Amino acid sequence: MEWKVDASDVLLTPDQVADRLNVSVDWVRDHSSRKNPRLPVIRLGGGPGRKGLLRYRAKEIEKFIAGLERMSAGRALQ
């Protein structure tokens, strides 16, 4: 079976997200669970007390960046 997936719908790894945001993988992991701003994450596998795999939709990461830009622009106007 061949999947036809839009590039914005691709699931990214924590390493890929870290590269896109120019931050460390630890930052990505921290902001996927407990810190603000919180990254939109998909958890695969795992269970109570288990971390599982973290994946991120490319389009949601771009929305995350756009939201931070809006927040930054709003602060600059104050």
PDB file of N, CA and C in Angstrom:
ATOM      1  N   MET A   1       0.835  -1.169   0.000  1.00  0.00           N
ATOM      2  CA  MET A   1       0.000   0.000   0.000  1.00  0.00           C
ATOM      3  C   MET A   1       0.889   1.244   0.000  1.00  0.00           C
ATOM      4  N   GLU A   2       0.547   2.206  -0.816  1.00  0.00           N
ATOM      5  CA  GLU A   2       1.302   3.458  -0.876  1.00  0.00           C
ATOM      6  C   GLU A   2       0.502   4.563  -0.198  1.00  0.00           C
ATOM      7  N   TRP A   3       1.143   5.251   0.758  1.00  0.00           N
ATOM      8  CA  TRP A   3       0.488   6.340   1.475  1.00  0.00           C
ATOM      9  C   TRP A   3       0.713   7.650   0.730  1.00  0.00           C
ATOM     10  N   LYS A   4      -0.339   8.420   0.605  1.00  0.00           N
ATOM     11  CA  LYS A   4      -0.217   9.762   0.032  1.00  0.00           C
ATOM     12  C   LYS A   4      -0.413  10.750   1.168  1.00  0.00           C
ATOM     13  N   VAL A   5       0.705  11.269   1.671  1.00  0.00           N
ATOM     14  CA  VAL A   5       0.678  12.140   2.837  1.00  0.00           C
ATOM     15  C   VAL A   5       1.175  13.519   2.442  1.00  0.00           C
ATOM     16  N   ASP A   6       0.425  14.517   2.836  1.00  0.00           N
ATOM     17  CA  ASP A   6       0.831  15.910   2.642  1.00  0.00           C
ATOM     18  C   ASP A   6       2.079  16.162   3.500  1.00  0.00           C
ATOM     19  N   ALA A   7       3.025  16.891   2.973  1.00  0.00           N
ATOM     20  CA  ALA A   7       4.281  17.151   3.697  1.00  0.00           C
ATOM     21  C   ALA A   7       4.034  17.815   5.046  1.00  0.00           C
ATOM     22  N   SER A   8       2.976  18.622   5.169  1.00  0.00           N
ATOM     23  CA  SER A   8       2.696  19.292   6.443  1.00  0.00           C
ATOM     24  C   SER A   8       2.104  18.337   7.470  1.00  0.00           C
ATOM     25  N   ASP A   9       1.718  17.130   7.024  1.00  0.00           N
ATOM     26  CA  ASP A   9       1.092  16.156   7.908  1.00  0.00           C
ATOM     27  C   ASP A   9       2.082  15.082   8.367  1.00  0.00           C
ATOM     28  N   VAL A  10       3.330  15.209   7.969  1.00  0.00           N
ATOM     29  CA  VAL A  10       4.366  14.238   8.320  1.00  0.00           C
ATOM     30  C   VAL A  10       4.623  14.284   9.822  1.00  0.00           C
ATOM     31  N   LEU A  11       4.901  13.125  10.406  1.00  0.00           N
ATOM     32  CA  LEU A  11       5.266  13.067  11.822  1.00  0.00           C
ATOM     33  C   LEU A  11       6.782  13.204  11.956  1.00  0.00           C
ATOM     34  N   LEU A  12       7.191  14.134  12.804  1.00  0.00           N
ATOM     35  CA  LEU A  12       8.606  14.418  13.034  1.00  0.00           C
ATOM     36  C   LEU A  12       9.070  13.808  14.352  1.00  0.00           C
ATOM     37  N   THR A  13      10.340  13.489  14.421  1.00  0.00           N
ATOM     38  CA  THR A  13      10.950  12.998  15.651  1.00  0.00           C
ATOM     39  C   THR A  13      11.377  14.192  16.515  1.00  0.00           C
ATOM     40  N   PRO A  14      11.669  13.956  17.795  1.00  0.00           N
ATOM     41  CA  PRO A  14      12.196  15.043  18.628  1.00  0.00           C
ATOM     42  C   PRO A  14      13.470  15.670  18.047  1.00  0.00           C
ATOM     43  N   ASP A  15      14.336  14.867  17.438  1.00  0.00           N
ATOM     44  CA  ASP A  15      15.557  15.406  16.821  1.00  0.00           C
ATOM     45  C   ASP A  15      15.225  16.363  15.685  1.00  0.00           C
ATOM     46  N   GLN A  16      14.243  15.996  14.860  1.00  0.00           N
ATOM     47  CA  GLN A  16      13.863  16.855  13.735  1.00  0.00           C
ATOM     48  C   GLN A  16      13.243  18.156  14.215  1.00  0.00           C
ATOM     49  N   VAL A  17      12.427  18.078  15.257  1.00  0.00           N
ATOM     50  CA  VAL A  17      11.817  19.291  15.811  1.00  0.00           C
ATOM     51  C   VAL A  17      12.886  20.183  16.424  1.00  0.00           C
ATOM     52  N   ALA A  18      13.837  19.578  17.128  1.00  0.00           N
ATOM     53  CA  ALA A  18      14.930  20.359  17.711  1.00  0.00           C
ATOM     54  C   ALA A  18      15.710  21.095  16.619  1.00  0.00           C
ATOM     55  N   ASP A  19      15.975  20.421  15.518  1.00  0.00           N
ATOM     56  CA  ASP A  19      16.664  21.071  14.393  1.00  0.00           C
ATOM     57  C   ASP A  19      15.845  22.227  13.844  1.00  0.00           C
ATOM     58  N   ARG A  20      14.536  22.009  13.678  1.00  0.00           N
ATOM     59  CA  ARG A  20      13.670  23.056  13.113  1.00  0.00           C
ATOM     60  C   ARG A  20      13.625  24.284  14.009  1.00  0.00           C
ATOM     61  N   LEU A  21      13.569  24.050  15.334  1.00  0.00           N
ATOM     62  CA  LEU A  21      13.472  25.161  16.279  1.00  0.00           C
ATOM     63  C   LEU A  21      14.829  25.698  16.725  1.00  0.00           C
ATOM     64  N   ASN A  22      15.897  25.001  16.318  1.00  0.00           N
ATOM     65  CA  ASN A  22      17.256  25.374  16.714  1.00  0.00           C
ATOM     66  C   ASN A  22      17.409  25.377  18.238  1.00  0.00           C
ATOM     67  N   VAL A  23      16.912  24.300  18.846  1.00  0.00           N
ATOM     68  CA  VAL A  23      17.013  24.100  20.290  1.00  0.00           C
ATOM     69  C   VAL A  23      17.536  22.684  20.534  1.00  0.00           C
ATOM     70  N   SER A  24      17.766  22.342  21.782  1.00  0.00           N
ATOM     71  CA  SER A  24      18.235  20.994  22.104  1.00  0.00           C
ATOM     72  C   SER A  24      17.064  20.002  22.123  1.00  0.00           C
ATOM     73  N   VAL A  25      17.399  18.739  21.986  1.00  0.00           N
ATOM     74  CA  VAL A  25      16.387  17.686  22.083  1.00  0.00           C
ATOM     75  C   VAL A  25      15.800  17.674  23.494  1.00  0.00           C
ATOM     76  N   ASP A  26      16.604  17.965  24.496  1.00  0.00           N
ATOM     77  CA  ASP A  26      16.091  18.040  25.874  1.00  0.00           C
ATOM     78  C   ASP A  26      15.025  19.121  25.999  1.00  0.00           C
ATOM     79  N   TRP A  27      15.235  20.266  25.344  1.00  0.00           N
ATOM     80  CA  TRP A  27      14.236  21.346  25.364  1.00  0.00           C
ATOM     81  C   TRP A  27      12.930  20.847  24.752  1.00  0.00           C
ATOM     82  N   VAL A  28      13.027  20.152  23.624  1.00  0.00           N
ATOM     83  CA  VAL A  28      11.833  19.615  22.962  1.00  0.00           C
ATOM     84  C   VAL A  28      11.109  18.663  23.905  1.00  0.00           C
ATOM     85  N   ARG A  29      11.829  17.759  24.517  1.00  0.00           N
ATOM     86  CA  ARG A  29      11.193  16.799  25.442  1.00  0.00           C
ATOM     87  C   ARG A  29      10.553  17.516  26.629  1.00  0.00           C
ATOM     88  N   ASP A  30      11.254  18.488  27.208  1.00  0.00           N
ATOM     89  CA  ASP A  30      10.704  19.244  28.337  1.00  0.00           C
ATOM     90  C   ASP A  30       9.412  19.971  27.947  1.00  0.00           C
ATOM     91  N   HIS A  31       9.404  20.560  26.778  1.00  0.00           N
ATOM     92  CA  HIS A  31       8.252  21.360  26.352  1.00  0.00           C
ATOM     93  C   HIS A  31       7.164  20.503  25.703  1.00  0.00           C
ATOM     94  N   SER A  32       7.350  19.201  25.724  1.00  0.00           N
ATOM     95  CA  SER A  32       6.321  18.279  25.247  1.00  0.00           C
ATOM     96  C   SER A  32       5.459  17.780  26.390  1.00  0.00           C
ATOM     97  N   SER A  33       5.847  18.091  27.612  1.00  0.00           N
ATOM     98  CA  SER A  33       5.089  17.553  28.733  1.00  0.00           C
ATOM     99  C   SER A  33       4.786  18.565  29.824  1.00  0.00           C
ATOM    100  N   ARG A  34       5.773  19.302  30.279  1.00  0.00           N
ATOM    101  CA  ARG A  34       5.509  20.055  31.497  1.00  0.00           C
ATOM    102  C   ARG A  34       5.808  21.550  31.437  1.00  0.00           C
ATOM    103  N   LYS A  35       6.554  21.996  30.466  1.00  0.00           N
ATOM    104  CA  LYS A  35       6.939  23.405  30.457  1.00  0.00           C
ATOM    105  C   LYS A  35       6.146  24.196  29.423  1.00  0.00           C
ATOM    106  N   ASN A  36       6.061  25.495  29.660  1.00  0.00           N
ATOM    107  CA  ASN A  36       5.427  26.390  28.697  1.00  0.00           C
ATOM    108  C   ASN A  36       6.507  27.162  27.985  1.00  0.00           C
ATOM    109  N   PRO A  37       6.353  27.430  26.711  1.00  0.00           N
ATOM    110  CA  PRO A  37       5.205  27.050  25.873  1.00  0.00           C
ATOM    111  C   PRO A  37       5.240  25.555  25.574  1.00  0.00           C
ATOM    112  N   ARG A  38       4.076  24.953  25.552  1.00  0.00           N
ATOM    113  CA  ARG A  38       3.972  23.508  25.390  1.00  0.00           C
ATOM    114  C   ARG A  38       3.863  23.125  23.919  1.00  0.00           C
ATOM    115  N   LEU A  39       4.705  22.200  23.508  1.00  0.00           N
ATOM    116  CA  LEU A  39       4.672  21.700  22.129  1.00  0.00           C
ATOM    117  C   LEU A  39       3.535  20.692  21.959  1.00  0.00           C
ATOM    118  N   PRO A  40       2.830  20.753  20.833  1.00  0.00           N
ATOM    119  CA  PRO A  40       1.794  19.750  20.555  1.00  0.00           C
ATOM    120  C   PRO A  40       2.447  18.420  20.181  1.00  0.00           C
ATOM    121  N   VAL A  41       2.212  17.395  20.962  1.00  0.00           N
ATOM    122  CA  VAL A  41       2.915  16.125  20.810  1.00  0.00           C
ATOM    123  C   VAL A  41       1.929  14.978  20.643  1.00  0.00           C
ATOM    124  N   ILE A  42       2.375  13.934  19.958  1.00  0.00           N
ATOM    125  CA  ILE A  42       1.646  12.674  19.842  1.00  0.00           C
ATOM    126  C   ILE A  42       2.514  11.628  20.514  1.00  0.00           C
ATOM    127  N   ARG A  43       1.949  10.924  21.479  1.00  0.00           N
ATOM    128  CA  ARG A  43       2.690   9.880  22.193  1.00  0.00           C
ATOM    129  C   ARG A  43       2.292   8.528  21.624  1.00  0.00           C
ATOM    130  N   LEU A  44       3.279   7.782  21.170  1.00  0.00           N
ATOM    131  CA  LEU A  44       3.048   6.452  20.620  1.00  0.00           C
ATOM    132  C   LEU A  44       3.539   5.416  21.616  1.00  0.00           C
ATOM    133  N   GLY A  45       2.679   4.491  21.968  1.00  0.00           N
ATOM    134  CA  GLY A  45       3.072   3.451  22.905  1.00  0.00           C
ATOM    135  C   GLY A  45       3.169   3.986  24.308  1.00  0.00           C
ATOM    136  N   GLY A  46       3.898   3.282  25.103  1.00  0.00           N
ATOM    137  CA  GLY A  46       4.035   3.678  26.492  1.00  0.00           C
ATOM    138  C   GLY A  46       2.782   3.313  27.272  1.00  0.00           C
ATOM    139  N   GLY A  47       2.678   3.803  28.440  1.00  0.00           N
ATOM    140  CA  GLY A  47       1.560   3.544  29.327  1.00  0.00           C
ATOM    141  C   GLY A  47       1.849   4.233  30.637  1.00  0.00           C
ATOM    142  N   PRO A  48       1.095   3.910  31.662  1.00  0.00           N
ATOM    143  CA  PRO A  48       1.357   4.547  32.956  1.00  0.00           C
ATOM    144  C   PRO A  48       2.820   4.360  33.370  1.00  0.00           C
ATOM    145  N   GLY A  49       3.508   5.468  33.597  1.00  0.00           N
ATOM    146  CA  GLY A  49       4.899   5.409  34.018  1.00  0.00           C
ATOM    147  C   GLY A  49       5.888   5.134  32.907  1.00  0.00           C
ATOM    148  N   ARG A  50       5.404   5.015  31.657  1.00  0.00           N
ATOM    149  CA  ARG A  50       6.308   4.754  30.522  1.00  0.00           C
ATOM    150  C   ARG A  50       6.197   5.908  29.542  1.00  0.00           C
ATOM    151  N   LYS A  51       7.319   6.305  28.990  1.00  0.00           N
ATOM    152  CA  LYS A  51       7.341   7.482  28.130  1.00  0.00           C
ATOM    153  C   LYS A  51       6.820   7.224  26.731  1.00  0.00           C
ATOM    154  N   GLY A  52       7.163   6.111  26.119  1.00  0.00           N
ATOM    155  CA  GLY A  52       6.768   5.871  24.738  1.00  0.00           C
ATOM    156  C   GLY A  52       7.542   6.756  23.782  1.00  0.00           C
ATOM    157  N   LEU A  53       7.159   6.724  22.531  1.00  0.00           N
ATOM    158  CA  LEU A  53       7.805   7.539  21.504  1.00  0.00           C
ATOM    159  C   LEU A  53       7.062   8.854  21.346  1.00  0.00           C
ATOM    160  N   LEU A  54       7.799   9.918  21.104  1.00  0.00           N
ATOM    161  CA  LEU A  54       7.206  11.233  20.872  1.00  0.00           C
ATOM    162  C   LEU A  54       7.288  11.555  19.390  1.00  0.00           C
ATOM    163  N   ARG A  55       6.180  12.021  18.835  1.00  0.00           N
ATOM    164  CA  ARG A  55       6.142  12.463  17.438  1.00  0.00           C
ATOM    165  C   ARG A  55       5.348  13.757  17.357  1.00  0.00           C
ATOM    166  N   TYR A  56       5.637  14.535  16.326  1.00  0.00           N
ATOM    167  CA  TYR A  56       5.063  15.874  16.180  1.00  0.00           C
ATOM    168  C   TYR A  56       4.630  16.070  14.734  1.00  0.00           C
ATOM    169  N   ARG A  57       3.406  16.557  14.523  1.00  0.00           N
ATOM    170  CA  ARG A  57       2.959  16.880  13.163  1.00  0.00           C
ATOM    171  C   ARG A  57       3.672  18.151  12.710  1.00  0.00           C
ATOM    172  N   ALA A  58       4.231  18.111  11.522  1.00  0.00           N
ATOM    173  CA  ALA A  58       4.965  19.266  10.989  1.00  0.00           C
ATOM    174  C   ALA A  58       4.094  20.516  10.988  1.00  0.00           C
ATOM    175  N   LYS A  59       2.828  20.389  10.590  1.00  0.00           N
ATOM    176  CA  LYS A  59       1.958  21.570  10.517  1.00  0.00           C
ATOM    177  C   LYS A  59       1.690  22.150  11.906  1.00  0.00           C
ATOM    178  N   GLU A  60       1.648  21.300  12.935  1.00  0.00           N
ATOM    179  CA  GLU A  60       1.429  21.800  14.290  1.00  0.00           C
ATOM    180  C   GLU A  60       2.665  22.520  14.825  1.00  0.00           C
ATOM    181  N   ILE A  61       3.836  22.078  14.428  1.00  0.00           N
ATOM    182  CA  ILE A  61       5.064  22.773  14.826  1.00  0.00           C
ATOM    183  C   ILE A  61       5.113  24.147  14.159  1.00  0.00           C
ATOM    184  N   GLU A  62       4.684  24.232  12.900  1.00  0.00           N
ATOM    185  CA  GLU A  62       4.649  25.533  12.222  1.00  0.00           C
ATOM    186  C   GLU A  62       3.630  26.465  12.882  1.00  0.00           C
ATOM    187  N   LYS A  63       2.497  25.932  13.324  1.00  0.00           N
ATOM    188  CA  LYS A  63       1.507  26.742  14.059  1.00  0.00           C
ATOM    189  C   LYS A  63       2.100  27.220  15.385  1.00  0.00           C
ATOM    190  N   PHE A  64       2.849  26.343  16.044  1.00  0.00           N
ATOM    191  CA  PHE A  64       3.507  26.685  17.299  1.00  0.00           C
ATOM    192  C   PHE A  64       4.448  27.873  17.086  1.00  0.00           C
ATOM    193  N   ILE A  65       5.243  27.815  16.027  1.00  0.00           N
ATOM    194  CA  ILE A  65       6.172  28.910  15.710  1.00  0.00           C
ATOM    195  C   ILE A  65       5.400  30.192  15.432  1.00  0.00           C
ATOM    196  N   ALA A  66       4.343  30.115  14.647  1.00  0.00           N
ATOM    197  CA  ALA A  66       3.533  31.290  14.313  1.00  0.00           C
ATOM    198  C   ALA A  66       2.926  31.903  15.579  1.00  0.00           C
ATOM    199  N   GLY A  67       2.480  31.065  16.505  1.00  0.00           N
ATOM    200  CA  GLY A  67       1.923  31.565  17.762  1.00  0.00           C
ATOM    201  C   GLY A  67       2.953  32.307  18.585  1.00  0.00           C
ATOM    202  N   LEU A  68       4.169  31.785  18.628  1.00  0.00           N
ATOM    203  CA  LEU A  68       5.238  32.476  19.351  1.00  0.00           C
ATOM    204  C   LEU A  68       5.581  33.810  18.695  1.00  0.00           C
ATOM    205  N   GLU A  69       5.540  33.827  17.372  1.00  0.00           N
ATOM    206  CA  GLU A  69       5.799  35.093  16.658  1.00  0.00           C
ATOM    207  C   GLU A  69       4.738  36.129  16.994  1.00  0.00           C
ATOM    208  N   ARG A  70       3.473  35.709  17.046  1.00  0.00           N
ATOM    209  CA  ARG A  70       2.388  36.642  17.390  1.00  0.00           C
ATOM    210  C   ARG A  70       2.568  37.160  18.811  1.00  0.00           C
ATOM    211  N   MET A  71       2.923  36.259  19.735  1.00  0.00           N
ATOM    212  CA  MET A  71       3.135  36.679  21.125  1.00  0.00           C
ATOM    213  C   MET A  71       4.285  37.672  21.217  1.00  0.00           C
ATOM    214  N   SER A  72       5.363  37.401  20.502  1.00  0.00           N
ATOM    215  CA  SER A  72       6.528  38.288  20.514  1.00  0.00           C
ATOM    216  C   SER A  72       6.181  39.655  19.936  1.00  0.00           C
ATOM    217  N   ALA A  73       5.426  39.653  18.849  1.00  0.00           N
ATOM    218  CA  ALA A  73       5.031  40.921  18.216  1.00  0.00           C
ATOM    219  C   ALA A  73       4.127  41.726  19.156  1.00  0.00           C
ATOM    220  N   GLY A  74       3.253  41.039  19.865  1.00  0.00           N
ATOM    221  CA  GLY A  74       2.365  41.724  20.818  1.00  0.00           C
ATOM    222  C   GLY A  74       3.120  42.361  21.958  1.00  0.00           C
ATOM    223  N   ARG A  75       4.146  41.683  22.434  1.00  0.00           N
ATOM    224  CA  ARG A  75       4.977  42.240  23.501  1.00  0.00           C
ATOM    225  C   ARG A  75       5.773  43.432  23.023  1.00  0.00           C
ATOM    226  N   ALA A  76       6.192  43.406  21.766  1.00  0.00           N
ATOM    227  CA  ALA A  76       6.983  44.513  21.215  1.00  0.00           C
ATOM    228  C   ALA A  76       6.141  45.783  21.112  1.00  0.00           C
ATOM    229  N   LEU A  77       4.830  45.641  20.952  1.00  0.00           N
ATOM    230  CA  LEU A  77       3.951  46.787  20.816  1.00  0.00           C
ATOM    231  C   LEU A  77       3.629  47.427  22.169  1.00  0.00           C
ATOM    232  N   GLN A  78       3.876  46.718  23.241  1.00  0.00           N
ATOM    233  CA  GLN A  78       3.521  47.251  24.562  1.00  0.00           C
ATOM    234  C   GLN A  78       4.549  48.200  25.085  1.00  0.00           C
TER     235      GLN A  78
END
